[in-house]
Amino acid sequence: MPQRRKVVEEEGSSLDSLMDALTNVVAVLIFVLLLVNCEVSQKIVQMMDDLVPASPEEIQKLKDMLKQLEIDKKKLEELKKLPPPPKVDLDSINKKISALQTLIKDKKSAIDTNNKNIAELQKLHDEKLAARDAEQVKADAMMEEIANLEAMLDTTPVAKDIPATEITIPATRAIPKGAKVHYVYITGDRAYFVDAPKYMEEIAEIVDKLKDDKGNHMATGEKSEEEEDQKLSAAEKRAAREKEKAESKKEKPVVFDRDKVIPILSEKLKKILSPGLVGSVQTAPHWGFARIDISFDRNAGTPIEALTQPTNGFASDLSKLRPPNDVLMFVVDSPSMYAYALAREIADKKGIPCGWSISLPNECVSRTQIPNLAINVTGKAPEKPPGWKPPERARGTGSKLD
């Protein structure tokens, strides 16, 4: 029994030691808790000391913010009560956006093109404006010259009017046989003497010389292939032979190559015309002939002022004529009738038989067919428009004398 008591005492002493240890631990924890509590209290006191008290304005501002939050909260609650928005078709929206982007791209391209066109138009406008300004400068210079001429005209003495005179036109008569017809053209208040017989004689000599050069000729009188292939009866062959015999006795006309002869005649004509006359050889593909056209230099001829003088170039030209074998034909441009009257007076004083005619507007030129000249035809005559009529000539003595 004593041994069991000893064991119980040993177990009781070990529990006491455990209790002491636990007590010590609890005491330490309590002490630590007290220290932590003291530290937290100090920190809270320090934080409270560091806090800055809010001003009345800040407090009011915070109150306003609270009110606004309450209002927003109410709006949010109301929005929650509304039905949800409809579902958006994003594919359709994307297609519309793509179409709008394409449209914007096209519009931009069109705008760029329009800007380029506007730039070109602006350049053209500037060029036209510069041309207009240049023309305006010329017009101003012309107006200044006109003003100067008007000023000179104001100081120029006025010529006395020509007294009216009654005249009688004698009866016309035919041109004597064998007489040489010379022409005088009255245009631009100037008289131009054209010695047509002399020019035609010289041209005829040139044509005769060209006939000696076979290189200028075209073949004539040859039978066509259709005629050779055509079968003729005995009577027709006999008639053809008789016709050939008759034709052989006649002198065959020489037909010239127009491409060779016309340039030669044009060059020769320039050398034989008198100063102040401008000539050209005219022909057409459907013509079998050629003519000489003579126009007039506006600075040549005998002006109206000189025709009133006792001696002048026109009177000198008429001194070469020998009436009645030489006669004059006047071709008059109607605005130059006064110049014609003066020139006609000079011719009448010299006793030269005269005739006259009025030319059509812008046709006061000399046109004479070259004699004994036949050229090859290379084309057809153009068709005349429907209702075409030959131009009517003004009155005059024409090819007769008065």
Protein backbone atom coordinates (compact mmCIF):
# COMPACT_ATOMS: atom_id res chain seq x y z
CA MET A 1 0.00 0.00 0.00
CA PRO A 2 2.71 2.48 0.78
CA GLN A 3 4.06 2.03 -2.73
CA ARG A 4 0.76 2.98 -4.43
CA ARG A 5 0.55 6.19 -2.35
CA LYS A 6 3.91 7.21 -3.60
CA VAL A 7 2.76 6.87 -7.21
CA VAL A 8 -0.30 9.03 -6.63
CA GLU A 9 1.82 11.74 -5.00
CA GLU A 10 4.16 11.81 -8.02
CA GLU A 11 1.19 12.23 -10.43
CA GLY A 12 -0.22 15.12 -8.31
CA SER A 13 3.06 16.96 -8.35
CA SER A 14 3.32 16.76 -12.17
CA LEU A 15 -0.16 18.35 -12.61
CA ASP A 16 0.83 21.18 -10.39
CA SER A 17 3.81 21.87 -12.56
CA LEU A 18 1.59 21.93 -15.62
CA MET A 19 -0.80 24.34 -13.99
CA ASP A 20 2.08 26.61 -13.06
CA ALA A 21 3.29 26.61 -16.62
CA LEU A 22 -0.15 27.37 -17.99
CA THR A 23 -0.60 30.12 -15.46
CA ASN A 24 2.68 31.67 -16.46
CA VAL A 25 1.71 31.53 -20.15
CA VAL A 26 -1.65 33.13 -19.50
CA ALA A 27 0.04 35.81 -17.48
CA VAL A 28 2.45 36.55 -20.29
CA LEU A 29 -0.41 36.71 -22.79
CA ILE A 30 -2.35 39.06 -20.57
CA PHE A 31 0.70 41.22 -20.22
CA VAL A 32 1.23 41.27 -23.98
CA LEU A 33 -2.45 42.06 -24.52
CA LEU A 34 -2.17 44.97 -22.12
CA LEU A 35 0.89 46.26 -23.93
CA VAL A 36 -0.86 46.02 -27.32
CA ASN A 37 -3.91 47.74 -25.94
CA CYS A 38 -1.79 50.57 -24.61
CA GLU A 39 -0.01 50.89 -27.98
CA VAL A 40 -3.35 50.97 -29.94
CA SER A 41 -4.73 53.58 -27.54
CA GLN A 42 -1.67 55.73 -28.14
CA LYS A 43 -1.99 55.34 -31.91
CA ILE A 44 -5.69 56.26 -31.80
CA VAL A 45 -4.92 59.31 -29.71
CA GLN A 46 -2.12 60.26 -32.09
CA MET A 47 -4.42 59.79 -35.16
CA MET A 48 -7.13 61.87 -33.56
CA ASP A 49 -4.59 64.57 -32.81
CA ASP A 50 -3.38 64.50 -36.42
CA LEU A 51 -6.91 64.83 -37.89
CA VAL A 52 -7.82 68.29 -39.25
CA PRO A 53 -11.38 69.30 -38.44
CA ALA A 54 -13.64 69.77 -41.55
CA SER A 55 -14.82 73.28 -42.43
CA PRO A 56 -18.51 74.16 -42.78
CA GLU A 57 -18.09 74.53 -46.53
CA GLU A 58 -16.65 71.03 -46.87
CA ILE A 59 -19.41 69.64 -44.69
CA GLN A 60 -22.01 71.37 -46.89
CA LYS A 61 -20.32 70.05 -50.00
CA LEU A 62 -20.41 66.52 -48.64
CA LYS A 63 -24.08 66.95 -47.80
CA ASP A 64 -24.76 68.08 -51.37
CA MET A 65 -22.91 65.07 -52.65
CA LEU A 66 -25.07 62.84 -50.45
CA LYS A 67 -28.22 64.48 -51.81
CA GLN A 68 -26.99 64.02 -55.40
CA LEU A 69 -26.23 60.37 -54.63
CA GLU A 70 -29.78 59.96 -53.33
CA ILE A 71 -31.17 61.56 -56.52
CA ASP A 72 -28.97 59.33 -58.71
CA LYS A 73 -30.07 56.34 -56.69
CA LYS A 74 -33.73 57.20 -57.32
CA LYS A 75 -33.07 57.67 -61.07
CA LEU A 76 -31.28 54.33 -61.17
CA GLU A 77 -34.27 52.68 -59.49
CA GLU A 78 -36.58 54.28 -62.07
CA LEU A 79 -34.36 53.12 -64.94
CA LYS A 80 -34.44 49.60 -63.54
CA LYS A 81 -38.22 49.68 -63.74
CA LEU A 82 -38.14 50.61 -67.50
CA PRO A 83 -38.29 47.85 -70.13
CA PRO A 84 -34.93 46.80 -71.59
CA PRO A 85 -33.85 48.49 -74.91
CA PRO A 86 -34.42 46.60 -78.16
CA LYS A 87 -31.71 44.33 -79.42
CA VAL A 88 -29.32 46.07 -81.84
CA ASP A 89 -28.56 44.43 -85.23
CA LEU A 90 -24.79 44.90 -85.32
CA ASP A 91 -24.39 43.24 -88.75
CA SER A 92 -26.82 45.70 -90.33
CA ILE A 93 -25.08 48.63 -88.65
CA ASN A 94 -21.67 47.38 -89.85
CA LYS A 95 -22.99 47.11 -93.42
CA LYS A 96 -24.33 50.66 -93.27
CA ILE A 97 -21.02 51.90 -91.89
CA SER A 98 -19.17 50.11 -94.72
CA ALA A 99 -21.52 51.65 -97.30
CA LEU A 100 -21.00 55.10 -95.76
CA GLN A 101 -17.22 54.63 -95.87
CA THR A 102 -17.43 53.64 -99.58
CA LEU A 103 -19.63 56.67 -100.28
CA ILE A 104 -17.18 58.94 -98.48
CA LYS A 105 -14.32 57.48 -100.54
CA ASP A 106 -16.23 58.05 -103.82
CA LYS A 107 -17.18 61.59 -102.81
CA LYS A 108 -13.56 62.32 -101.93
CA SER A 109 -12.42 61.01 -105.33
CA ALA A 110 -15.07 63.13 -107.07
CA ILE A 111 -13.99 66.17 -105.06
CA ASP A 112 -10.35 65.59 -106.05
CA THR A 113 -11.39 65.35 -109.72
CA ASN A 114 -13.48 68.51 -109.43
CA ASN A 115 -10.59 70.32 -107.77
CA LYS A 116 -8.34 69.30 -110.68
CA ASN A 117 -10.95 70.52 -113.18
CA ILE A 118 -11.33 73.75 -111.24
CA ALA A 119 -7.56 74.23 -111.37
CA GLU A 120 -7.57 73.74 -115.15
CA LEU A 121 -10.52 76.12 -115.53
CA GLN A 122 -8.75 78.66 -113.36
CA LYS A 123 -5.66 78.36 -115.55
CA LEU A 124 -7.78 78.80 -118.69
CA HIS A 125 -9.54 81.75 -117.07
CA ASP A 126 -6.20 83.37 -116.28
CA GLU A 127 -5.01 82.84 -119.88
CA LYS A 128 -8.22 84.30 -121.32
CA LEU A 129 -8.00 87.18 -118.87
CA ALA A 130 -4.44 87.89 -119.96
CA ALA A 131 -5.50 87.73 -123.62
CA ARG A 132 -8.40 90.07 -122.88
CA ASP A 133 -6.07 92.51 -121.15
CA ALA A 134 -3.73 92.39 -124.17
CA GLU A 135 -6.66 93.05 -126.51
CA GLN A 136 -7.79 95.84 -124.23
CA VAL A 137 -4.35 97.43 -124.51
CA LYS A 138 -4.60 97.20 -128.31
CA ALA A 139 -8.14 98.61 -128.22
CA ASP A 140 -7.01 101.50 -126.01
CA ALA A 141 -4.18 102.22 -128.45
CA MET A 142 -6.64 102.15 -131.37
CA MET A 143 -9.06 104.43 -129.53
CA GLU A 144 -6.21 106.84 -128.83
CA GLU A 145 -5.26 106.75 -132.52
CA ILE A 146 -8.90 107.33 -133.50
CA ALA A 147 -9.03 110.29 -131.12
CA ASN A 148 -5.87 111.69 -132.71
CA LEU A 149 -7.33 111.19 -136.19
CA GLU A 150 -10.56 112.88 -135.13
CA ALA A 151 -8.54 115.79 -133.78
CA MET A 152 -6.70 116.00 -137.11
CA LEU A 153 -10.01 115.74 -138.94
CA ASP A 154 -11.37 118.70 -136.98
CA THR A 155 -8.48 120.80 -138.26
CA THR A 156 -8.72 119.51 -141.87
CA PRO A 157 -10.50 121.87 -144.23
CA VAL A 158 -13.76 120.53 -145.62
CA ALA A 159 -13.70 119.86 -149.36
CA LYS A 160 -16.33 121.55 -151.42
CA ASP A 161 -19.17 119.41 -152.69
CA ILE A 162 -18.95 118.33 -156.30
CA PRO A 163 -21.70 120.10 -158.19
CA ALA A 164 -24.33 117.85 -159.69
CA THR A 165 -24.01 117.44 -163.43
CA GLU A 166 -26.50 116.05 -165.87
CA ILE A 167 -24.99 113.48 -168.19
CA THR A 168 -26.34 111.49 -171.09
CA ILE A 169 -25.30 107.98 -171.95
CA PRO A 170 -24.93 107.50 -175.71
CA ALA A 171 -26.41 104.49 -177.44
CA THR A 172 -24.22 101.42 -177.23
CA ARG A 173 -22.53 100.06 -180.33
CA ALA A 174 -20.63 96.90 -181.11
CA ILE A 175 -16.87 96.68 -180.72
CA PRO A 176 -15.18 97.10 -184.14
CA LYS A 177 -14.01 93.88 -185.69
CA GLY A 178 -10.33 93.21 -185.03
CA ALA A 179 -10.08 95.78 -182.22
CA LYS A 180 -7.97 95.01 -179.17
CA VAL A 181 -9.89 95.19 -175.90
CA HIS A 182 -8.00 96.54 -172.91
CA TYR A 183 -9.45 96.55 -169.41
CA VAL A 184 -9.42 99.09 -166.61
CA TYR A 185 -10.54 97.96 -163.15
CA ILE A 186 -11.81 100.61 -160.74
CA THR A 187 -11.75 99.42 -157.13
CA GLY A 188 -10.74 100.94 -153.81
CA ASP A 189 -10.91 104.41 -155.43
CA ARG A 190 -7.99 103.41 -157.66
CA ALA A 191 -7.68 102.72 -161.38
CA TYR A 192 -5.73 99.67 -162.60
CA PHE A 193 -4.87 99.32 -166.30
CA VAL A 194 -4.71 95.69 -167.50
CA ASP A 195 -3.16 95.17 -170.96
CA ALA A 196 -5.02 91.87 -171.53
CA PRO A 197 -4.07 91.45 -175.25
CA LYS A 198 -0.37 91.77 -174.44
CA TYR A 199 -0.55 89.22 -171.62
CA MET A 200 -2.58 86.76 -173.70
CA GLU A 201 -0.13 87.01 -176.62
CA GLU A 202 2.80 86.26 -174.36
CA ILE A 203 0.95 83.36 -172.69
CA ALA A 204 0.00 81.99 -176.14
CA GLU A 205 3.69 82.03 -177.15
CA ILE A 206 4.55 80.11 -173.98
CA VAL A 207 1.81 77.53 -174.72
CA ASP A 208 3.18 77.08 -178.28
CA LYS A 209 6.65 76.44 -176.93
CA LEU A 210 5.28 73.90 -174.45
CA LYS A 211 3.67 72.01 -177.34
CA ASP A 212 7.14 71.30 -178.71
CA ASP A 213 8.03 69.46 -175.50
CA LYS A 214 6.28 66.08 -175.76
CA GLY A 215 6.91 65.47 -172.06
CA ASN A 216 4.10 67.90 -171.24
CA HIS A 217 1.52 66.10 -173.42
CA MET A 218 -1.16 63.58 -172.62
CA ALA A 219 -2.08 60.83 -175.15
CA THR A 220 -5.19 61.71 -177.17
CA GLY A 221 -7.39 59.83 -179.65
CA GLU A 222 -6.57 56.36 -178.26
CA LYS A 223 -9.32 53.72 -178.31
CA SER A 224 -10.57 52.39 -175.05
CA GLU A 225 -10.55 48.67 -174.30
CA GLU A 226 -14.36 48.61 -174.44
CA GLU A 227 -14.34 49.98 -178.00
CA GLU A 228 -11.70 47.48 -179.11
CA ASP A 229 -13.56 44.53 -177.59
CA GLN A 230 -16.90 45.65 -179.03
CA LYS A 231 -17.95 43.65 -182.10
CA LEU A 232 -18.93 45.97 -184.95
CA SER A 233 -20.95 45.18 -188.02
CA ALA A 234 -19.52 45.69 -191.51
CA ALA A 235 -21.42 48.96 -191.97
CA GLU A 236 -20.23 50.22 -188.57
CA LYS A 237 -16.64 49.31 -189.38
CA ARG A 238 -16.90 51.14 -192.71
CA ALA A 239 -18.33 54.24 -190.98
CA ALA A 240 -15.59 54.08 -188.37
CA ARG A 241 -12.87 53.97 -191.05
CA GLU A 242 -14.38 56.97 -192.83
CA LYS A 243 -14.55 58.84 -189.56
CA GLU A 244 -10.89 58.04 -188.85
CA LYS A 245 -9.91 59.37 -192.30
CA ALA A 246 -11.82 62.59 -191.67
CA GLU A 247 -10.28 62.95 -188.23
CA SER A 248 -6.80 62.33 -189.57
CA LYS A 249 -7.14 65.33 -191.87
CA LYS A 250 -7.97 67.55 -188.90
CA GLU A 251 -5.31 68.87 -186.58
CA LYS A 252 -5.54 66.94 -183.31
CA PRO A 253 -5.59 69.14 -180.22
CA VAL A 254 -2.69 68.80 -177.85
CA VAL A 255 -3.83 67.91 -174.33
CA PHE A 256 -1.38 68.92 -171.61
CA ASP A 257 -0.64 67.21 -168.32
CA ARG A 258 -2.03 69.67 -165.76
CA ASP A 259 0.49 68.68 -163.10
CA LYS A 260 3.36 69.69 -165.40
CA VAL A 261 2.00 72.68 -167.31
CA ILE A 262 0.14 74.69 -164.62
CA PRO A 263 3.28 75.28 -162.45
CA ILE A 264 5.21 76.41 -165.55
CA LEU A 265 2.51 78.89 -166.59
CA SER A 266 2.20 80.22 -163.03
CA GLU A 267 5.91 80.94 -162.88
CA LYS A 268 5.91 82.62 -166.33
CA LEU A 269 2.86 84.76 -165.44
CA LYS A 270 4.65 86.35 -162.49
CA LYS A 271 7.34 87.66 -164.83
CA ILE A 272 5.10 89.24 -167.50
CA LEU A 273 2.58 91.09 -165.29
CA SER A 274 3.01 94.81 -164.64
CA PRO A 275 3.83 96.05 -161.11
CA GLY A 276 0.77 96.26 -158.86
CA LEU A 277 -0.94 93.27 -160.51
CA VAL A 278 -1.10 89.92 -158.72
CA GLY A 279 -1.79 86.98 -161.07
CA SER A 280 -2.41 83.26 -160.69
CA VAL A 281 -3.33 80.38 -163.01
CA GLN A 282 -6.60 78.79 -161.84
CA THR A 283 -8.06 75.42 -162.82
CA ALA A 284 -10.18 72.62 -161.34
CA PRO A 285 -10.03 68.82 -161.71
CA HIS A 286 -13.19 68.83 -163.87
CA TRP A 287 -12.00 71.68 -166.11
CA GLY A 288 -10.40 70.94 -169.46
CA PHE A 289 -9.01 74.48 -169.50
CA ALA A 290 -7.28 77.04 -167.28
CA ARG A 291 -7.72 80.74 -166.72
CA ILE A 292 -5.66 83.66 -165.52
CA ASP A 293 -6.95 85.55 -162.46
CA ILE A 294 -5.49 88.99 -161.83
CA SER A 295 -6.10 90.88 -158.59
CA PHE A 296 -4.74 94.23 -157.51
CA ASP A 297 -2.34 95.55 -154.91
CA ARG A 298 -4.16 98.12 -152.77
CA ASN A 299 -1.06 100.32 -152.69
CA ALA A 300 -0.64 100.30 -156.48
CA GLY A 301 -2.72 101.70 -159.34
CA THR A 302 -3.65 105.36 -159.77
CA PRO A 303 -5.47 106.78 -156.69
CA ILE A 304 -8.45 109.10 -156.95
CA GLU A 305 -6.35 112.10 -155.91
CA ALA A 306 -3.99 111.55 -158.86
CA LEU A 307 -6.89 111.13 -161.31
CA THR A 308 -7.79 114.79 -160.76
CA GLN A 309 -4.30 115.92 -161.85
CA PRO A 310 -3.43 116.74 -165.48
CA THR A 311 -0.72 114.08 -165.58
CA ASN A 312 -0.88 110.73 -163.77
CA GLY A 313 0.03 107.07 -164.18
CA PHE A 314 -3.35 106.12 -165.64
CA ALA A 315 -3.12 108.77 -168.36
CA SER A 316 0.38 107.52 -169.19
CA ASP A 317 -0.94 103.96 -169.61
CA LEU A 318 -3.69 105.20 -171.98
CA SER A 319 -1.14 107.05 -174.12
CA LYS A 320 0.02 103.65 -175.41
CA LEU A 321 -3.40 102.97 -177.00
CA ARG A 322 -4.26 103.81 -180.58
CA PRO A 323 -7.99 104.37 -181.14
CA PRO A 324 -10.19 103.18 -182.76
CA ASN A 325 -8.34 99.85 -183.01
CA ASP A 326 -7.75 99.88 -179.21
CA VAL A 327 -10.81 100.11 -176.96
CA LEU A 328 -11.29 100.24 -173.19
CA MET A 329 -13.64 98.28 -170.98
CA PHE A 330 -14.12 99.57 -167.41
CA VAL A 331 -15.05 97.10 -164.67
CA VAL A 332 -16.25 99.20 -161.74
CA ASP A 333 -16.70 98.36 -158.08
CA SER A 334 -19.83 100.36 -157.17
CA PRO A 335 -18.31 102.23 -154.16
CA SER A 336 -15.67 103.65 -156.54
CA MET A 337 -18.05 105.29 -159.05
CA TYR A 338 -16.48 108.73 -158.57
CA ALA A 339 -13.04 107.32 -159.44
CA TYR A 340 -14.63 105.75 -162.55
CA ALA A 341 -16.09 109.11 -163.59
CA LEU A 342 -12.65 110.75 -163.36
CA ALA A 343 -10.92 107.90 -165.24
CA ARG A 344 -13.65 107.86 -167.90
CA GLU A 345 -13.21 111.59 -168.43
CA ILE A 346 -9.50 111.03 -169.12
CA ALA A 347 -10.29 108.28 -171.64
CA ASP A 348 -12.93 110.39 -173.38
CA LYS A 349 -10.50 113.28 -173.76
CA LYS A 350 -8.07 110.93 -175.52
CA GLY A 351 -10.86 109.80 -177.87
CA ILE A 352 -10.69 106.14 -176.81
CA PRO A 353 -13.94 104.15 -177.31
CA CYS A 354 -15.12 102.83 -173.90
CA GLY A 355 -17.61 100.46 -172.36
CA TRP A 356 -18.29 99.66 -168.70
CA SER A 357 -19.92 97.22 -166.31
CA ILE A 358 -20.52 96.98 -162.57
CA SER A 359 -18.79 94.08 -160.79
CA LEU A 360 -20.36 91.95 -158.10
CA PRO A 361 -19.19 92.63 -154.51
CA ASN A 362 -15.64 91.40 -153.94
CA GLU A 363 -15.40 90.25 -157.58
CA CYS A 364 -13.61 93.20 -159.15
CA VAL A 365 -10.86 90.95 -160.58
CA SER A 366 -9.72 90.02 -164.06
CA ARG A 367 -10.55 86.48 -165.19
CA THR A 368 -9.48 85.38 -168.70
CA GLN A 369 -9.39 81.87 -170.15
CA ILE A 370 -6.04 80.93 -171.66
CA PRO A 371 -6.55 80.41 -175.42
CA ASN A 372 -5.51 77.22 -177.24
CA LEU A 373 -4.80 75.41 -173.96
CA ALA A 374 -6.40 72.00 -173.30
CA ILE A 375 -5.54 70.05 -170.14
CA ASN A 376 -6.54 66.62 -168.95
CA VAL A 377 -9.66 66.20 -166.79
CA THR A 378 -9.02 64.31 -163.56
CA GLY A 379 -12.33 64.61 -161.70
CA LYS A 380 -16.07 65.14 -161.88
CA ALA A 381 -17.82 68.47 -161.60
CA PRO A 382 -19.46 69.08 -158.17
CA GLU A 383 -23.24 68.98 -158.11
CA LYS A 384 -25.00 72.32 -157.85
CA PRO A 385 -27.32 72.78 -154.86
CA PRO A 386 -31.08 72.61 -155.53
CA GLY A 387 -32.53 75.87 -156.76
CA TRP A 388 -29.14 77.29 -157.78
CA LYS A 389 -29.27 80.29 -160.09
CA PRO A 390 -26.40 82.18 -161.70
CA PRO A 391 -25.67 85.55 -160.05
CA GLU A 392 -27.34 88.54 -161.63
CA ARG A 393 -24.99 91.09 -163.13
CA ALA A 394 -25.42 94.80 -162.62
CA ARG A 395 -26.28 97.07 -165.53
CA GLY A 396 -23.67 98.47 -167.84
CA THR A 397 -22.73 98.34 -171.51
CA GLY A 398 -21.12 94.89 -171.01
CA SER A 399 -19.18 93.94 -174.14
CA LYS A 400 -20.41 96.94 -176.10
CA LEU A 401 -19.15 100.51 -176.40
CA ASP A 402 -20.98 103.71 -175.57
